[in-house]
Amino acid sequence: MIIQAADQQTMARQILGEISGRAADSIIASTQLSDLGLDSLGRLTLAVLLEERTGRPLPDHELLSVRTVDDLERLLTSSERSA
């Protein structure tokens, strides 16, 4: 499945909105995942939803390094290029 960068940005923010209960359009690139209330369970939920929607798992060690929405979007883009 090929997902364009803009679609990945939208998808990432929609998923984060679902998990955090915030409107996706209120989530900006510099938002810290911790500011969205993502704890370890929230990160696990994020990983599962991303795998379901992209069809590819993200390596745990890479997902652990994600601190901001921008980090997540860059990870999704780089994972797409390496697939």
PDB file of N, CA and C in Angstrom:
ATOM      1  N   MET A   1       0.848  -1.181   0.000  1.00  0.00           N
ATOM      2  CA  MET A   1       0.000   0.000   0.000  1.00  0.00           C
ATOM      3  C   MET A   1       0.890   1.239   0.000  1.00  0.00           C
ATOM      4  N   ILE A   2       0.721   2.096  -0.958  1.00  0.00           N
ATOM      5  CA  ILE A   2       1.489   3.343  -1.026  1.00  0.00           C
ATOM      6  C   ILE A   2       0.620   4.467  -0.503  1.00  0.00           C
ATOM      7  N   ILE A   3       1.133   5.134   0.517  1.00  0.00           N
ATOM      8  CA  ILE A   3       0.415   6.245   1.122  1.00  0.00           C
ATOM      9  C   ILE A   3       1.264   7.493   0.931  1.00  0.00           C
ATOM     10  N   GLN A   4       0.693   8.506   0.313  1.00  0.00           N
ATOM     11  CA  GLN A   4       1.398   9.754   0.083  1.00  0.00           C
ATOM     12  C   GLN A   4       1.691  10.453   1.409  1.00  0.00           C
ATOM     13  N   ALA A   5       2.726  11.289   1.420  1.00  0.00           N
ATOM     14  CA  ALA A   5       3.142  11.966   2.643  1.00  0.00           C
ATOM     15  C   ALA A   5       2.005  12.763   3.273  1.00  0.00           C
ATOM     16  N   ALA A   6       1.238  13.485   2.464  1.00  0.00           N
ATOM     17  CA  ALA A   6       0.126  14.283   2.998  1.00  0.00           C
ATOM     18  C   ALA A   6      -0.923  13.379   3.627  1.00  0.00           C
ATOM     19  N   ASP A   7      -1.165  12.222   3.006  1.00  0.00           N
ATOM     20  CA  ASP A   7      -2.127  11.268   3.557  1.00  0.00           C
ATOM     21  C   ASP A   7      -1.615  10.688   4.871  1.00  0.00           C
ATOM     22  N   GLN A   8      -0.313  10.454   4.956  1.00  0.00           N
ATOM     23  CA  GLN A   8       0.276   9.936   6.189  1.00  0.00           C
ATOM     24  C   GLN A   8       0.143  10.955   7.305  1.00  0.00           C
ATOM     25  N   GLN A   9       0.339  12.220   6.976  1.00  0.00           N
ATOM     26  CA  GLN A   9       0.195  13.281   7.967  1.00  0.00           C
ATOM     27  C   GLN A   9      -1.237  13.290   8.485  1.00  0.00           C
ATOM     28  N   THR A  10      -2.187  13.248   7.586  1.00  0.00           N
ATOM     29  CA  THR A  10      -3.591  13.246   7.974  1.00  0.00           C
ATOM     30  C   THR A  10      -3.915  12.013   8.801  1.00  0.00           C
ATOM     31  N   MET A  11      -3.449  10.844   8.353  1.00  0.00           N
ATOM     32  CA  MET A  11      -3.717   9.604   9.065  1.00  0.00           C
ATOM     33  C   MET A  11      -3.118   9.639  10.464  1.00  0.00           C
ATOM     34  N   ALA A  12      -1.878  10.079  10.581  1.00  0.00           N
ATOM     35  CA  ALA A  12      -1.219  10.138  11.880  1.00  0.00           C
ATOM     36  C   ALA A  12      -1.993  11.046  12.834  1.00  0.00           C
ATOM     37  N   ARG A  13      -2.414  12.187  12.348  1.00  0.00           N
ATOM     38  CA  ARG A  13      -3.144  13.132  13.204  1.00  0.00           C
ATOM     39  C   ARG A  13      -4.540  12.621  13.539  1.00  0.00           C
ATOM     40  N   GLN A  14      -5.177  11.905  12.621  1.00  0.00           N
ATOM     41  CA  GLN A  14      -6.489  11.321  12.914  1.00  0.00           C
ATOM     42  C   GLN A  14      -6.367  10.259  14.006  1.00  0.00           C
ATOM     43  N   ILE A  15      -5.368   9.411  13.883  1.00  0.00           N
ATOM     44  CA  ILE A  15      -5.157   8.372  14.896  1.00  0.00           C
ATOM     45  C   ILE A  15      -4.847   9.000  16.243  1.00  0.00           C
ATOM     46  N   LEU A  16      -3.978   9.987  16.251  1.00  0.00           N
ATOM     47  CA  LEU A  16      -3.648  10.661  17.508  1.00  0.00           C
ATOM     48  C   LEU A  16      -4.875  11.335  18.108  1.00  0.00           C
ATOM     49  N   GLY A  17      -5.722  11.884  17.248  1.00  0.00           N
ATOM     50  CA  GLY A  17      -6.968  12.484  17.725  1.00  0.00           C
ATOM     51  C   GLY A  17      -7.886  11.440  18.338  1.00  0.00           C
ATOM     52  N   GLU A  18      -7.983  10.274  17.707  1.00  0.00           N
ATOM     53  CA  GLU A  18      -8.814   9.192  18.245  1.00  0.00           C
ATOM     54  C   GLU A  18      -8.324   8.760  19.622  1.00  0.00           C
ATOM     55  N   ILE A  19      -7.022   8.630  19.754  1.00  0.00           N
ATOM     56  CA  ILE A  19      -6.452   8.155  21.011  1.00  0.00           C
ATOM     57  C   ILE A  19      -6.565   9.204  22.112  1.00  0.00           C
ATOM     58  N   SER A  20      -6.321  10.462  21.750  1.00  0.00           N
ATOM     59  CA  SER A  20      -6.271  11.530  22.752  1.00  0.00           C
ATOM     60  C   SER A  20      -7.616  12.196  23.020  1.00  0.00           C
ATOM     61  N   GLY A  21      -8.567  12.002  22.101  1.00  0.00           N
ATOM     62  CA  GLY A  21      -9.852  12.671  22.252  1.00  0.00           C
ATOM     63  C   GLY A  21      -9.839  14.116  21.778  1.00  0.00           C
ATOM     64  N   ARG A  22      -8.788  14.504  21.098  1.00  0.00           N
ATOM     65  CA  ARG A  22      -8.696  15.868  20.551  1.00  0.00           C
ATOM     66  C   ARG A  22      -9.051  15.866  19.073  1.00  0.00           C
ATOM     67  N   ALA A  23      -9.435  17.022  18.590  1.00  0.00           N
ATOM     68  CA  ALA A  23      -9.717  17.169  17.155  1.00  0.00           C
ATOM     69  C   ALA A  23      -8.414  17.059  16.384  1.00  0.00           C
ATOM     70  N   ALA A  24      -8.417  16.262  15.333  1.00  0.00           N
ATOM     71  CA  ALA A  24      -7.207  16.055  14.538  1.00  0.00           C
ATOM     72  C   ALA A  24      -6.652  17.360  13.999  1.00  0.00           C
ATOM     73  N   ASP A  25      -7.524  18.294  13.639  1.00  0.00           N
ATOM     74  CA  ASP A  25      -7.033  19.558  13.076  1.00  0.00           C
ATOM     75  C   ASP A  25      -6.438  20.487  14.131  1.00  0.00           C
ATOM     76  N   SER A  26      -6.551  20.125  15.402  1.00  0.00           N
ATOM     77  CA  SER A  26      -5.916  20.926  16.454  1.00  0.00           C
ATOM     78  C   SER A  26      -4.526  20.403  16.805  1.00  0.00           C
ATOM     79  N   ILE A  27      -4.151  19.285  16.206  1.00  0.00           N
ATOM     80  CA  ILE A  27      -2.854  18.673  16.478  1.00  0.00           C
ATOM     81  C   ILE A  27      -1.865  19.164  15.427  1.00  0.00           C
ATOM     82  N   ILE A  28      -0.791  19.808  15.891  1.00  0.00           N
ATOM     83  CA  ILE A  28       0.204  20.364  14.969  1.00  0.00           C
ATOM     84  C   ILE A  28       1.504  19.567  15.060  1.00  0.00           C
ATOM     85  N   ALA A  29       2.380  19.804  14.117  1.00  0.00           N
ATOM     86  CA  ALA A  29       3.624  19.038  14.004  1.00  0.00           C
ATOM     87  C   ALA A  29       4.468  19.078  15.275  1.00  0.00           C
ATOM     88  N   SER A  30       4.497  20.199  15.950  1.00  0.00           N
ATOM     89  CA  SER A  30       5.359  20.325  17.128  1.00  0.00           C
ATOM     90  C   SER A  30       4.728  19.776  18.409  1.00  0.00           C
ATOM     91  N   THR A  31       3.504  19.288  18.329  1.00  0.00           N
ATOM     92  CA  THR A  31       2.840  18.753  19.514  1.00  0.00           C
ATOM     93  C   THR A  31       3.593  17.536  20.037  1.00  0.00           C
ATOM     94  N   GLN A  32       3.881  17.555  21.320  1.00  0.00           N
ATOM     95  CA  GLN A  32       4.519  16.419  21.974  1.00  0.00           C
ATOM     96  C   GLN A  32       3.482  15.330  22.199  1.00  0.00           C
ATOM     97  N   LEU A  33       3.856  14.072  21.953  1.00  0.00           N
ATOM     98  CA  LEU A  33       2.919  12.973  22.201  1.00  0.00           C
ATOM     99  C   LEU A  33       2.517  12.931  23.673  1.00  0.00           C
ATOM    100  N   SER A  34       3.425  13.293  24.558  1.00  0.00           N
ATOM    101  CA  SER A  34       3.100  13.321  25.986  1.00  0.00           C
ATOM    102  C   SER A  34       2.039  14.379  26.290  1.00  0.00           C
ATOM    103  N   ASP A  35       2.018  15.470  25.530  1.00  0.00           N
ATOM    104  CA  ASP A  35       0.994  16.503  25.705  1.00  0.00           C
ATOM    105  C   ASP A  35      -0.377  16.014  25.258  1.00  0.00           C
ATOM    106  N   LEU A  36      -0.394  14.963  24.437  1.00  0.00           N
ATOM    107  CA  LEU A  36      -1.657  14.362  24.008  1.00  0.00           C
ATOM    108  C   LEU A  36      -2.101  13.270  24.979  1.00  0.00           C
ATOM    109  N   GLY A  37      -1.310  13.069  26.031  1.00  0.00           N
ATOM    110  CA  GLY A  37      -1.647  12.073  27.032  1.00  0.00           C
ATOM    111  C   GLY A  37      -1.237  10.662  26.663  1.00  0.00           C
ATOM    112  N   LEU A  38      -0.358  10.516  25.674  1.00  0.00           N
ATOM    113  CA  LEU A  38       0.061   9.175  25.275  1.00  0.00           C
ATOM    114  C   LEU A  38       1.068   8.617  26.270  1.00  0.00           C
ATOM    115  N   ASP A  39       0.626   7.627  26.994  1.00  0.00           N
ATOM    116  CA  ASP A  39       1.501   6.885  27.884  1.00  0.00           C
ATOM    117  C   ASP A  39       1.895   5.603  27.161  1.00  0.00           C
ATOM    118  N   SER A  40       2.409   4.619  27.877  1.00  0.00           N
ATOM    119  CA  SER A  40       2.838   3.390  27.200  1.00  0.00           C
ATOM    120  C   SER A  40       1.670   2.670  26.541  1.00  0.00           C
ATOM    121  N   LEU A  41       0.505   2.671  27.164  1.00  0.00           N
ATOM    122  CA  LEU A  41      -0.666   2.045  26.554  1.00  0.00           C
ATOM    123  C   LEU A  41      -1.111   2.826  25.306  1.00  0.00           C
ATOM    124  N   GLY A  42      -1.047   4.144  25.370  1.00  0.00           N
ATOM    125  CA  GLY A  42      -1.394   4.971  24.223  1.00  0.00           C
ATOM    126  C   GLY A  42      -0.447   4.738  23.057  1.00  0.00           C
ATOM    127  N   ARG A  43       0.823   4.552  23.345  1.00  0.00           N
ATOM    128  CA  ARG A  43       1.802   4.276  22.289  1.00  0.00           C
ATOM    129  C   ARG A  43       1.555   2.897  21.672  1.00  0.00           C
ATOM    130  N   LEU A  44       1.173   1.940  22.503  1.00  0.00           N
ATOM    131  CA  LEU A  44       0.847   0.615  21.990  1.00  0.00           C
ATOM    132  C   LEU A  44      -0.377   0.688  21.071  1.00  0.00           C
ATOM    133  N   THR A  45      -1.378   1.436  21.500  1.00  0.00           N
ATOM    134  CA  THR A  45      -2.571   1.640  20.679  1.00  0.00           C
ATOM    135  C   THR A  45      -2.192   2.315  19.365  1.00  0.00           C
ATOM    136  N   LEU A  46      -1.331   3.305  19.438  1.00  0.00           N
ATOM    137  CA  LEU A  46      -0.845   4.001  18.246  1.00  0.00           C
ATOM    138  C   LEU A  46      -0.177   3.012  17.292  1.00  0.00           C
ATOM    139  N   ALA A  47       0.697   2.175  17.811  1.00  0.00           N
ATOM    140  CA  ALA A  47       1.412   1.213  16.975  1.00  0.00           C
ATOM    141  C   ALA A  47       0.436   0.249  16.296  1.00  0.00           C
ATOM    142  N   VAL A  48      -0.552  -0.240  17.047  1.00  0.00           N
ATOM    143  CA  VAL A  48      -1.525  -1.180  16.489  1.00  0.00           C
ATOM    144  C   VAL A  48      -2.348  -0.514  15.389  1.00  0.00           C
ATOM    145  N   LEU A  49      -2.829   0.688  15.650  1.00  0.00           N
ATOM    146  CA  LEU A  49      -3.642   1.386  14.647  1.00  0.00           C
ATOM    147  C   LEU A  49      -2.828   1.727  13.400  1.00  0.00           C
ATOM    148  N   LEU A  50      -1.589   2.115  13.581  1.00  0.00           N
ATOM    149  CA  LEU A  50      -0.740   2.409  12.423  1.00  0.00           C
ATOM    150  C   LEU A  50      -0.511   1.149  11.593  1.00  0.00           C
ATOM    151  N   GLU A  51      -0.267   0.030  12.277  1.00  0.00           N
ATOM    152  CA  GLU A  51      -0.063  -1.226  11.545  1.00  0.00           C
ATOM    153  C   GLU A  51      -1.327  -1.616  10.787  1.00  0.00           C
ATOM    154  N   GLU A  52      -2.479  -1.475  11.426  1.00  0.00           N
ATOM    155  CA  GLU A  52      -3.744  -1.814  10.760  1.00  0.00           C
ATOM    156  C   GLU A  52      -3.983  -0.957   9.530  1.00  0.00           C
ATOM    157  N   ARG A  53      -3.678   0.319   9.638  1.00  0.00           N
ATOM    158  CA  ARG A  53      -4.020   1.240   8.550  1.00  0.00           C
ATOM    159  C   ARG A  53      -2.970   1.331   7.455  1.00  0.00           C
ATOM    160  N   THR A  54      -1.726   0.987   7.777  1.00  0.00           N
ATOM    161  CA  THR A  54      -0.689   1.030   6.749  1.00  0.00           C
ATOM    162  C   THR A  54      -0.374  -0.359   6.211  1.00  0.00           C
ATOM    163  N   GLY A  55      -0.743  -1.388   6.973  1.00  0.00           N
ATOM    164  CA  GLY A  55      -0.425  -2.747   6.566  1.00  0.00           C
ATOM    165  C   GLY A  55       0.996  -3.153   6.878  1.00  0.00           C
ATOM    166  N   ARG A  56       1.733  -2.306   7.598  1.00  0.00           N
ATOM    167  CA  ARG A  56       3.127  -2.585   7.954  1.00  0.00           C
ATOM    168  C   ARG A  56       3.378  -2.236   9.408  1.00  0.00           C
ATOM    169  N   PRO A  57       4.057  -3.112  10.129  1.00  0.00           N
ATOM    170  CA  PRO A  57       4.424  -2.762  11.499  1.00  0.00           C
ATOM    171  C   PRO A  57       5.579  -1.762  11.502  1.00  0.00           C
ATOM    172  N   LEU A  58       5.616  -0.947  12.536  1.00  0.00           N
ATOM    173  CA  LEU A  58       6.759  -0.059  12.721  1.00  0.00           C
ATOM    174  C   LEU A  58       7.636  -0.680  13.796  1.00  0.00           C
ATOM    175  N   PRO A  59       8.945  -0.735  13.587  1.00  0.00           N
ATOM    176  CA  PRO A  59       9.828  -1.314  14.595  1.00  0.00           C
ATOM    177  C   PRO A  59       9.692  -0.585  15.933  1.00  0.00           C
ATOM    178  N   ASP A  60       9.626  -1.363  17.011  1.00  0.00           N
ATOM    179  CA  ASP A  60       9.457  -0.793  18.351  1.00  0.00           C
ATOM    180  C   ASP A  60      10.515   0.246  18.675  1.00  0.00           C
ATOM    181  N   HIS A  61      11.765  -0.061  18.341  1.00  0.00           N
ATOM    182  CA  HIS A  61      12.842   0.866  18.686  1.00  0.00           C
ATOM    183  C   HIS A  61      12.677   2.207  17.971  1.00  0.00           C
ATOM    184  N   GLU A  62      12.103   2.193  16.784  1.00  0.00           N
ATOM    185  CA  GLU A  62      11.876   3.453  16.070  1.00  0.00           C
ATOM    186  C   GLU A  62      10.702   4.210  16.671  1.00  0.00           C
ATOM    187  N   LEU A  63       9.649   3.503  16.998  1.00  0.00           N
ATOM    188  CA  LEU A  63       8.474   4.151  17.577  1.00  0.00           C
ATOM    189  C   LEU A  63       8.794   4.733  18.957  1.00  0.00           C
ATOM    190  N   LEU A  64       9.689   4.088  19.689  1.00  0.00           N
ATOM    191  CA  LEU A  64      10.075   4.601  21.007  1.00  0.00           C
ATOM    192  C   LEU A  64      10.798   5.941  20.922  1.00  0.00           C
ATOM    193  N   SER A  65      11.446   6.203  19.785  1.00  0.00           N
ATOM    194  CA  SER A  65      12.186   7.459  19.630  1.00  0.00           C
ATOM    195  C   SER A  65      11.282   8.634  19.249  1.00  0.00           C
ATOM    196  N   VAL A  66      10.026   8.359  18.940  1.00  0.00           N
ATOM    197  CA  VAL A  66       9.094   9.404  18.514  1.00  0.00           C
ATOM    198  C   VAL A  66       8.666  10.225  19.729  1.00  0.00           C
ATOM    199  N   ARG A  67       8.888  11.518  19.651  1.00  0.00           N
ATOM    200  CA  ARG A  67       8.500  12.431  20.737  1.00  0.00           C
ATOM    201  C   ARG A  67       7.396  13.402  20.309  1.00  0.00           C
ATOM    202  N   THR A  68       7.423  13.801  19.030  1.00  0.00           N
ATOM    203  CA  THR A  68       6.466  14.788  18.531  1.00  0.00           C
ATOM    204  C   THR A  68       5.681  14.217  17.355  1.00  0.00           C
ATOM    205  N   VAL A  69       4.635  14.922  16.986  1.00  0.00           N
ATOM    206  CA  VAL A  69       3.849  14.538  15.812  1.00  0.00           C
ATOM    207  C   VAL A  69       4.740  14.569  14.575  1.00  0.00           C
ATOM    208  N   ASP A  70       5.602  15.554  14.483  1.00  0.00           N
ATOM    209  CA  ASP A  70       6.524  15.649  13.354  1.00  0.00           C
ATOM    210  C   ASP A  70       7.435  14.425  13.290  1.00  0.00           C
ATOM    211  N   ASP A  71       7.939  13.972  14.437  1.00  0.00           N
ATOM    212  CA  ASP A  71       8.766  12.762  14.475  1.00  0.00           C
ATOM    213  C   ASP A  71       7.990  11.575  13.905  1.00  0.00           C
ATOM    214  N   LEU A  72       6.731  11.450  14.303  1.00  0.00           N
ATOM    215  CA  LEU A  72       5.898  10.353  13.839  1.00  0.00           C
ATOM    216  C   LEU A  72       5.693  10.430  12.329  1.00  0.00           C
ATOM    217  N   GLU A  73       5.406  11.609  11.833  1.00  0.00           N
ATOM    218  CA  GLU A  73       5.178  11.776  10.401  1.00  0.00           C
ATOM    219  C   GLU A  73       6.439  11.472   9.600  1.00  0.00           C
ATOM    220  N   ARG A  74       7.607  11.886  10.108  1.00  0.00           N
ATOM    221  CA  ARG A  74       8.868  11.572   9.430  1.00  0.00           C
ATOM    222  C   ARG A  74       9.140  10.074   9.449  1.00  0.00           C
ATOM    223  N   LEU A  75       8.812   9.420  10.557  1.00  0.00           N
ATOM    224  CA  LEU A  75       8.992   7.977  10.652  1.00  0.00           C
ATOM    225  C   LEU A  75       8.110   7.257   9.636  1.00  0.00           C
ATOM    226  N   LEU A  76       6.875   7.681   9.511  1.00  0.00           N
ATOM    227  CA  LEU A  76       5.971   7.064   8.537  1.00  0.00           C
ATOM    228  C   LEU A  76       6.477   7.261   7.121  1.00  0.00           C
ATOM    229  N   THR A  77       6.979   8.438   6.823  1.00  0.00           N
ATOM    230  CA  THR A  77       7.496   8.736   5.489  1.00  0.00           C
ATOM    231  C   THR A  77       8.747   7.913   5.203  1.00  0.00           C
ATOM    232  N   SER A  78       9.655   7.825   6.177  1.00  0.00           N
ATOM    233  CA  SER A  78      10.880   7.060   5.952  1.00  0.00           C
ATOM    234  C   SER A  78      10.585   5.565   5.872  1.00  0.00           C
ATOM    235  N   SER A  79       9.599   5.088   6.615  1.00  0.00           N
ATOM    236  CA  SER A  79       9.225   3.680   6.545  1.00  0.00           C
ATOM    237  C   SER A  79       8.634   3.361   5.186  1.00  0.00           C
ATOM    238  N   GLU A  80       7.900   4.284   4.613  1.00  0.00           N
ATOM    239  CA  GLU A  80       7.299   4.077   3.288  1.00  0.00           C
ATOM    240  C   GLU A  80       8.392   3.981   2.233  1.00  0.00           C
ATOM    241  N   ARG A  81       9.406   4.821   2.350  1.00  0.00           N
ATOM    242  CA  ARG A  81      10.483   4.806   1.374  1.00  0.00           C
ATOM    243  C   ARG A  81      11.302   3.528   1.446  1.00  0.00           C
ATOM    244  N   SER A  82      11.452   2.982   2.652  1.00  0.00           N
ATOM    245  CA  SER A  82      12.271   1.785   2.805  1.00  0.00           C
ATOM    246  C   SER A  82      11.499   0.502   2.533  1.00  0.00           C
ATOM    247  N   ALA A  83      10.169   0.619   2.359  1.00  0.00           N
ATOM    248  CA  ALA A  83       9.353  -0.587   2.117  1.00  0.00           C
ATOM    249  C   ALA A  83       9.446  -1.045   0.678  1.00  0.00           C
TER     250      ALA A  83
END
